[in-house]
């Protein structure tokens, strides 16, 4: 979950959706990631729950896969 692709995706999503409210204290990179990951997961859980899990047991894995795909380097050209 805490990988470069997911981090990259969340960085872009934060810029598109505006800042995430969090504690004022200095957080480690991992804690920032968890705070933002959870905020987006909770924000979009209703939409995520309508998706086909395609063999995944848990919704968090589907969300992680979506982030991984968004943050993967390169472009999708047809």
PDB file of N, CA and C in Angstrom:
ATOM      1  N   UNK A   1       0.816  -1.189   0.000  1.00  0.00           N
ATOM      2  CA  UNK A   1       0.000   0.000   0.000  1.00  0.00           C
ATOM      3  C   UNK A   1       0.865   1.259   0.000  1.00  0.00           C
ATOM      4  N   UNK A   2       1.882   1.302   0.838  1.00  0.00           N
ATOM      5  CA  UNK A   2       2.741   2.482   0.929  1.00  0.00           C
ATOM      6  C   UNK A   2       3.856   2.324  -0.089  1.00  0.00           C
ATOM      7  N   UNK A   3       3.505   2.557  -1.350  1.00  0.00           N
ATOM      8  CA  UNK A   3       4.499   2.431  -2.405  1.00  0.00           C
ATOM      9  C   UNK A   3       4.502   3.695  -3.256  1.00  0.00           C
ATOM     10  N   UNK A   4       5.461   3.788  -4.134  1.00  0.00           N
ATOM     11  CA  UNK A   4       5.643   4.989  -4.939  1.00  0.00           C
ATOM     12  C   UNK A   4       4.428   5.299  -5.800  1.00  0.00           C
ATOM     13  N   UNK A   5       3.832   4.283  -6.407  1.00  0.00           N
ATOM     14  CA  UNK A   5       2.674   4.531  -7.271  1.00  0.00           C
ATOM     15  C   UNK A   5       1.504   5.103  -6.484  1.00  0.00           C
ATOM     16  N   UNK A   6       1.201   4.524  -5.334  1.00  0.00           N
ATOM     17  CA  UNK A   6       0.098   5.021  -4.513  1.00  0.00           C
ATOM     18  C   UNK A   6       0.402   6.430  -4.000  1.00  0.00           C
ATOM     19  N   UNK A   7       1.647   6.664  -3.597  1.00  0.00           N
ATOM     20  CA  UNK A   7       2.025   8.000  -3.140  1.00  0.00           C
ATOM     21  C   UNK A   7       1.847   9.023  -4.253  1.00  0.00           C
ATOM     22  N   UNK A   8       2.317   8.689  -5.438  1.00  0.00           N
ATOM     23  CA  UNK A   8       2.215   9.599  -6.579  1.00  0.00           C
ATOM     24  C   UNK A   8       0.743   9.901  -6.895  1.00  0.00           C
ATOM     25  N   UNK A   9      -0.102   8.873  -6.875  1.00  0.00           N
ATOM     26  CA  UNK A   9      -1.525   9.058  -7.149  1.00  0.00           C
ATOM     27  C   UNK A   9      -2.165   9.982  -6.119  1.00  0.00           C
ATOM     28  N   UNK A  10      -1.859   9.764  -4.848  1.00  0.00           N
ATOM     29  CA  UNK A  10      -2.455  10.597  -3.805  1.00  0.00           C
ATOM     30  C   UNK A  10      -1.965  12.034  -3.879  1.00  0.00           C
ATOM     31  N   UNK A  11      -0.706  12.237  -4.283  1.00  0.00           N
ATOM     32  CA  UNK A  11      -0.190  13.603  -4.438  1.00  0.00           C
ATOM     33  C   UNK A  11      -0.977  14.349  -5.506  1.00  0.00           C
ATOM     34  N   UNK A  12      -1.233  13.689  -6.612  1.00  0.00           N
ATOM     35  CA  UNK A  12      -1.995  14.310  -7.700  1.00  0.00           C
ATOM     36  C   UNK A  12      -3.445  14.539  -7.264  1.00  0.00           C
ATOM     37  N   UNK A  13      -4.067  13.545  -6.651  1.00  0.00           N
ATOM     38  CA  UNK A  13      -5.461  13.676  -6.222  1.00  0.00           C
ATOM     39  C   UNK A  13      -5.631  14.806  -5.211  1.00  0.00           C
ATOM     40  N   UNK A  14      -4.661  14.970  -4.321  1.00  0.00           N
ATOM     41  CA  UNK A  14      -4.735  16.068  -3.350  1.00  0.00           C
ATOM     42  C   UNK A  14      -4.700  17.418  -4.052  1.00  0.00           C
ATOM     43  N   UNK A  15      -3.895  17.506  -5.089  1.00  0.00           N
ATOM     44  CA  UNK A  15      -3.816  18.767  -5.828  1.00  0.00           C
ATOM     45  C   UNK A  15      -5.121  19.043  -6.578  1.00  0.00           C
ATOM     46  N   UNK A  16      -5.770  18.002  -7.067  1.00  0.00           N
ATOM     47  CA  UNK A  16      -7.024  18.169  -7.795  1.00  0.00           C
ATOM     48  C   UNK A  16      -8.211  18.421  -6.874  1.00  0.00           C
ATOM     49  N   UNK A  17      -8.201  17.797  -5.702  1.00  0.00           N
ATOM     50  CA  UNK A  17      -9.342  17.862  -4.788  1.00  0.00           C
ATOM     51  C   UNK A  17      -9.181  18.843  -3.645  1.00  0.00           C
ATOM     52  N   UNK A  18      -8.051  19.448  -3.517  1.00  0.00           N
ATOM     53  CA  UNK A  18      -7.830  20.373  -2.411  1.00  0.00           C
ATOM     54  C   UNK A  18      -7.205  19.675  -1.224  1.00  0.00           C
ATOM     55  N   UNK A  19      -6.775  20.462  -0.253  1.00  0.00           N
ATOM     56  CA  UNK A  19      -6.050  19.902   0.892  1.00  0.00           C
ATOM     57  C   UNK A  19      -6.931  19.029   1.782  1.00  0.00           C
ATOM     58  N   UNK A  20      -6.287  18.098   2.442  1.00  0.00           N
ATOM     59  CA  UNK A  20      -6.927  17.221   3.420  1.00  0.00           C
ATOM     60  C   UNK A  20      -6.660  17.806   4.805  1.00  0.00           C
ATOM     61  N   UNK A  21      -7.695  17.939   5.605  1.00  0.00           N
ATOM     62  CA  UNK A  21      -7.518  18.445   6.963  1.00  0.00           C
ATOM     63  C   UNK A  21      -6.821  17.399   7.813  1.00  0.00           C
ATOM     64  N   UNK A  22      -5.836  17.840   8.563  1.00  0.00           N
ATOM     65  CA  UNK A  22      -5.111  16.927   9.427  1.00  0.00           C
ATOM     66  C   UNK A  22      -4.573  17.658  10.637  1.00  0.00           C
ATOM     67  N   UNK A  23      -3.915  16.937  11.488  1.00  0.00           N
ATOM     68  CA  UNK A  23      -3.336  17.566  12.677  1.00  0.00           C
ATOM     69  C   UNK A  23      -2.239  18.547  12.277  1.00  0.00           C
ATOM     70  N   UNK A  24      -2.029  19.536  13.089  1.00  0.00           N
ATOM     71  CA  UNK A  24      -1.042  20.582  12.806  1.00  0.00           C
ATOM     72  C   UNK A  24       0.395  20.132  13.051  1.00  0.00           C
ATOM     73  N   UNK A  25       0.574  19.034  13.739  1.00  0.00           N
ATOM     74  CA  UNK A  25       1.917  18.579  14.091  1.00  0.00           C
ATOM     75  C   UNK A  25       2.669  18.054  12.878  1.00  0.00           C
ATOM     76  N   UNK A  26       3.965  17.996  12.996  1.00  0.00           N
ATOM     77  CA  UNK A  26       4.795  17.447  11.927  1.00  0.00           C
ATOM     78  C   UNK A  26       4.622  15.931  11.892  1.00  0.00           C
ATOM     79  N   UNK A  27       4.180  15.425  10.762  1.00  0.00           N
ATOM     80  CA  UNK A  27       3.959  13.998  10.609  1.00  0.00           C
ATOM     81  C   UNK A  27       5.046  13.403   9.731  1.00  0.00           C
ATOM     82  N   UNK A  28       5.354  12.152   9.961  1.00  0.00           N
ATOM     83  CA  UNK A  28       6.284  11.448   9.088  1.00  0.00           C
ATOM     84  C   UNK A  28       5.613  11.266   7.725  1.00  0.00           C
ATOM     85  N   UNK A  29       6.418  10.961   6.727  1.00  0.00           N
ATOM     86  CA  UNK A  29       5.870  10.731   5.386  1.00  0.00           C
ATOM     87  C   UNK A  29       4.842   9.605   5.418  1.00  0.00           C
ATOM     88  N   UNK A  30       5.116   8.564   6.196  1.00  0.00           N
ATOM     89  CA  UNK A  30       4.191   7.446   6.290  1.00  0.00           C
ATOM     90  C   UNK A  30       2.864   7.873   6.915  1.00  0.00           C
ATOM     91  N   UNK A  31       2.924   8.652   7.991  1.00  0.00           N
ATOM     92  CA  UNK A  31       1.693   9.097   8.651  1.00  0.00           C
ATOM     93  C   UNK A  31       0.886  10.049   7.773  1.00  0.00           C
ATOM     94  N   UNK A  32       1.567  10.896   7.002  1.00  0.00           N
ATOM     95  CA  UNK A  32       0.856  11.745   6.049  1.00  0.00           C
ATOM     96  C   UNK A  32       0.138  10.885   5.014  1.00  0.00           C
ATOM     97  N   UNK A  33       0.849   9.877   4.514  1.00  0.00           N
ATOM     98  CA  UNK A  33       0.273   8.966   3.531  1.00  0.00           C
ATOM     99  C   UNK A  33      -0.976   8.291   4.083  1.00  0.00           C
ATOM    100  N   UNK A  34      -0.888   7.764   5.308  1.00  0.00           N
ATOM    101  CA  UNK A  34      -2.025   7.066   5.924  1.00  0.00           C
ATOM    102  C   UNK A  34      -3.203   8.018   6.113  1.00  0.00           C
ATOM    103  N   UNK A  35      -2.942   9.216   6.579  1.00  0.00           N
ATOM    104  CA  UNK A  35      -4.001  10.203   6.786  1.00  0.00           C
ATOM    105  C   UNK A  35      -4.719  10.515   5.472  1.00  0.00           C
ATOM    106  N   UNK A  36      -3.952  10.750   4.428  1.00  0.00           N
ATOM    107  CA  UNK A  36      -4.530  11.097   3.132  1.00  0.00           C
ATOM    108  C   UNK A  36      -5.212   9.892   2.497  1.00  0.00           C
ATOM    109  N   UNK A  37      -4.571   8.725   2.576  1.00  0.00           N
ATOM    110  CA  UNK A  37      -5.143   7.491   2.030  1.00  0.00           C
ATOM    111  C   UNK A  37      -6.502   7.239   2.651  1.00  0.00           C
ATOM    112  N   UNK A  38      -6.572   7.313   3.971  1.00  0.00           N
ATOM    113  CA  UNK A  38      -7.822   7.042   4.677  1.00  0.00           C
ATOM    114  C   UNK A  38      -8.895   8.080   4.348  1.00  0.00           C
ATOM    115  N   UNK A  39      -8.502   9.340   4.238  1.00  0.00           N
ATOM    116  CA  UNK A  39      -9.466  10.395   3.907  1.00  0.00           C
ATOM    117  C   UNK A  39     -10.095  10.145   2.535  1.00  0.00           C
ATOM    118  N   UNK A  40      -9.270   9.793   1.550  1.00  0.00           N
ATOM    119  CA  UNK A  40      -9.814   9.515   0.222  1.00  0.00           C
ATOM    120  C   UNK A  40     -10.636   8.232   0.215  1.00  0.00           C
ATOM    121  N   UNK A  41     -10.186   7.225   0.937  1.00  0.00           N
ATOM    122  CA  UNK A  41     -10.930   5.962   1.013  1.00  0.00           C
ATOM    123  C   UNK A  41     -12.316   6.204   1.597  1.00  0.00           C
ATOM    124  N   UNK A  42     -12.369   6.926   2.705  1.00  0.00           N
ATOM    125  CA  UNK A  42     -13.660   7.205   3.341  1.00  0.00           C
ATOM    126  C   UNK A  42     -14.531   8.109   2.471  1.00  0.00           C
ATOM    127  N   UNK A  43     -13.923   9.061   1.800  1.00  0.00           N
ATOM    128  CA  UNK A  43     -14.664   9.987   0.937  1.00  0.00           C
ATOM    129  C   UNK A  43     -15.333   9.256  -0.223  1.00  0.00           C
ATOM    130  N   UNK A  44     -14.685   8.222  -0.734  1.00  0.00           N
ATOM    131  CA  UNK A  44     -15.174   7.530  -1.924  1.00  0.00           C
ATOM    132  C   UNK A  44     -15.670   6.113  -1.662  1.00  0.00           C
ATOM    133  N   UNK A  45     -15.844   5.750  -0.402  1.00  0.00           N
ATOM    134  CA  UNK A  45     -16.258   4.392  -0.048  1.00  0.00           C
ATOM    135  C   UNK A  45     -17.603   4.016  -0.653  1.00  0.00           C
ATOM    136  N   UNK A  46     -18.545   4.930  -0.691  1.00  0.00           N
ATOM    137  CA  UNK A  46     -19.858   4.614  -1.254  1.00  0.00           C
ATOM    138  C   UNK A  46     -19.728   4.255  -2.735  1.00  0.00           C
ATOM    139  N   UNK A  47     -18.933   4.983  -3.469  1.00  0.00           N
ATOM    140  CA  UNK A  47     -18.708   4.668  -4.883  1.00  0.00           C
ATOM    141  C   UNK A  47     -17.940   3.362  -5.025  1.00  0.00           C
ATOM    142  N   UNK A  48     -16.918   3.185  -4.209  1.00  0.00           N
ATOM    143  CA  UNK A  48     -16.116   1.961  -4.265  1.00  0.00           C
ATOM    144  C   UNK A  48     -16.966   0.724  -3.996  1.00  0.00           C
ATOM    145  N   UNK A  49     -17.933   0.848  -3.105  1.00  0.00           N
ATOM    146  CA  UNK A  49     -18.754  -0.310  -2.732  1.00  0.00           C
ATOM    147  C   UNK A  49     -19.636  -0.789  -3.882  1.00  0.00           C
ATOM    148  N   UNK A  50     -19.785   0.017  -4.927  1.00  0.00           N
ATOM    149  CA  UNK A  50     -20.584  -0.404  -6.081  1.00  0.00           C
ATOM    150  C   UNK A  50     -19.748  -1.148  -7.124  1.00  0.00           C
ATOM    151  N   UNK A  51     -18.428  -1.185  -6.941  1.00  0.00           N
ATOM    152  CA  UNK A  51     -17.542  -1.820  -7.917  1.00  0.00           C
ATOM    153  C   UNK A  51     -17.510  -3.335  -7.747  1.00  0.00           C
ATOM    154  N   UNK A  52     -17.250  -4.021  -8.828  1.00  0.00           N
ATOM    155  CA  UNK A  52     -17.025  -5.467  -8.800  1.00  0.00           C
ATOM    156  C   UNK A  52     -15.644  -5.701  -8.202  1.00  0.00           C
ATOM    157  N   UNK A  53     -15.548  -6.533  -7.178  1.00  0.00           N
ATOM    158  CA  UNK A  53     -14.273  -6.775  -6.504  1.00  0.00           C
ATOM    159  C   UNK A  53     -13.293  -7.582  -7.358  1.00  0.00           C
ATOM    160  N   UNK A  54     -13.768  -8.213  -8.404  1.00  0.00           N
ATOM    161  CA  UNK A  54     -12.923  -8.977  -9.341  1.00  0.00           C
ATOM    162  C   UNK A  54     -11.942  -9.905  -8.628  1.00  0.00           C
ATOM    163  N   UNK A  55     -12.451 -10.641  -7.669  1.00  0.00           N
ATOM    164  CA  UNK A  55     -11.631 -11.619  -6.981  1.00  0.00           C
ATOM    165  C   UNK A  55     -10.924 -11.117  -5.729  1.00  0.00           C
ATOM    166  N   UNK A  56     -10.909  -9.802  -5.525  1.00  0.00           N
ATOM    167  CA  UNK A  56     -10.300  -9.274  -4.301  1.00  0.00           C
ATOM    168  C   UNK A  56     -11.247  -9.535  -3.130  1.00  0.00           C
ATOM    169  N   UNK A  57     -10.685  -9.897  -1.993  1.00  0.00           N
ATOM    170  CA  UNK A  57     -11.508 -10.156  -0.814  1.00  0.00           C
ATOM    171  C   UNK A  57     -11.944  -8.879  -0.104  1.00  0.00           C
ATOM    172  N   UNK A  58     -11.121  -7.850  -0.201  1.00  0.00           N
ATOM    173  CA  UNK A  58     -11.360  -6.653   0.594  1.00  0.00           C
ATOM    174  C   UNK A  58     -11.380  -5.398  -0.278  1.00  0.00           C
ATOM    175  N   UNK A  59     -12.265  -4.475   0.063  1.00  0.00           N
ATOM    176  CA  UNK A  59     -12.397  -3.232  -0.685  1.00  0.00           C
ATOM    177  C   UNK A  59     -11.113  -2.403  -0.631  1.00  0.00           C
ATOM    178  N   UNK A  60     -10.379  -2.461   0.481  1.00  0.00           N
ATOM    179  CA  UNK A  60      -9.137  -1.690   0.574  1.00  0.00           C
ATOM    180  C   UNK A  60      -8.136  -2.122  -0.498  1.00  0.00           C
ATOM    181  N   UNK A  61      -8.156  -3.388  -0.877  1.00  0.00           N
ATOM    182  CA  UNK A  61      -7.250  -3.861  -1.938  1.00  0.00           C
ATOM    183  C   UNK A  61      -7.669  -3.302  -3.292  1.00  0.00           C
ATOM    184  N   UNK A  62      -8.970  -3.169  -3.509  1.00  0.00           N
ATOM    185  CA  UNK A  62      -9.457  -2.567  -4.759  1.00  0.00           C
ATOM    186  C   UNK A  62      -9.010  -1.114  -4.816  1.00  0.00           C
ATOM    187  N   UNK A  63      -9.185  -0.386  -3.725  1.00  0.00           N
ATOM    188  CA  UNK A  63      -8.770   1.015  -3.675  1.00  0.00           C
ATOM    189  C   UNK A  63      -7.268   1.142  -3.890  1.00  0.00           C
ATOM    190  N   UNK A  64      -6.503   0.280  -3.272  1.00  0.00           N
ATOM    191  CA  UNK A  64      -5.051   0.290  -3.448  1.00  0.00           C
ATOM    192  C   UNK A  64      -4.675   0.022  -4.903  1.00  0.00           C
ATOM    193  N   UNK A  65      -5.365  -0.894  -5.551  1.00  0.00           N
ATOM    194  CA  UNK A  65      -5.090  -1.189  -6.958  1.00  0.00           C
ATOM    195  C   UNK A  65      -5.425   0.011  -7.843  1.00  0.00           C
ATOM    196  N   UNK A  66      -6.512   0.703  -7.534  1.00  0.00           N
ATOM    197  CA  UNK A  66      -6.874   1.910  -8.287  1.00  0.00           C
ATOM    198  C   UNK A  66      -5.775   2.953  -8.150  1.00  0.00           C
ATOM    199  N   UNK A  67      -5.321   3.177  -6.916  1.00  0.00           N
ATOM    200  CA  UNK A  67      -4.243   4.142  -6.704  1.00  0.00           C
ATOM    201  C   UNK A  67      -2.980   3.714  -7.435  1.00  0.00           C
ATOM    202  N   UNK A  68      -2.661   2.424  -7.381  1.00  0.00           N
ATOM    203  CA  UNK A  68      -1.468   1.916  -8.048  1.00  0.00           C
ATOM    204  C   UNK A  68      -1.548   2.177  -9.548  1.00  0.00           C
ATOM    205  N   UNK A  69      -2.709   1.935 -10.134  1.00  0.00           N
ATOM    206  CA  UNK A  69      -2.884   2.167 -11.575  1.00  0.00           C
ATOM    207  C   UNK A  69      -2.779   3.653 -11.922  1.00  0.00           C
ATOM    208  N   UNK A  70      -3.362   4.506 -11.104  1.00  0.00           N
ATOM    209  CA  UNK A  70      -3.291   5.948 -11.360  1.00  0.00           C
ATOM    210  C   UNK A  70      -1.849   6.430 -11.271  1.00  0.00           C
ATOM    211  N   UNK A  71      -1.116   5.951 -10.283  1.00  0.00           N
ATOM    212  CA  UNK A  71       0.245   6.427 -10.047  1.00  0.00           C
ATOM    213  C   UNK A  71       1.326   5.740 -10.842  1.00  0.00           C
ATOM    214  N   UNK A  72       0.969   4.719 -11.604  1.00  0.00           N
ATOM    215  CA  UNK A  72       1.971   3.994 -12.389  1.00  0.00           C
ATOM    216  C   UNK A  72       2.606   4.928 -13.429  1.00  0.00           C
ATOM    217  N   UNK A  73       3.917   4.834 -13.587  1.00  0.00           N
ATOM    218  CA  UNK A  73       4.569   5.706 -14.563  1.00  0.00           C
ATOM    219  C   UNK A  73       4.142   5.373 -15.994  1.00  0.00           C
ATOM    220  N   UNK A  74       4.193   6.376 -16.819  1.00  0.00           N
ATOM    221  CA  UNK A  74       3.858   6.181 -18.228  1.00  0.00           C
ATOM    222  C   UNK A  74       2.466   6.666 -18.544  1.00  0.00           C
ATOM    223  N   UNK A  75       2.161   6.643 -19.820  1.00  0.00           N
ATOM    224  CA  UNK A  75       0.860   7.065 -20.316  1.00  0.00           C
ATOM    225  C   UNK A  75       0.157   5.884 -20.941  1.00  0.00           C
ATOM    226  N   UNK A  76      -1.157   5.915 -20.921  1.00  0.00           N
ATOM    227  CA  UNK A  76      -1.957   4.895 -21.591  1.00  0.00           C
ATOM    228  C   UNK A  76      -2.411   5.454 -22.936  1.00  0.00           C
ATOM    229  N   UNK A  77      -1.795   5.024 -23.980  1.00  0.00           N
ATOM    230  CA  UNK A  77      -2.158   5.486 -25.319  1.00  0.00           C
ATOM    231  C   UNK A  77      -2.705   4.325 -26.118  1.00  0.00           C
ATOM    232  N   UNK A  78      -3.702   4.591 -26.929  1.00  0.00           N
ATOM    233  CA  UNK A  78      -4.239   3.524 -27.764  1.00  0.00           C
ATOM    234  C   UNK A  78      -3.766   3.678 -29.185  1.00  0.00           C
TER     235      UNK A  78
END
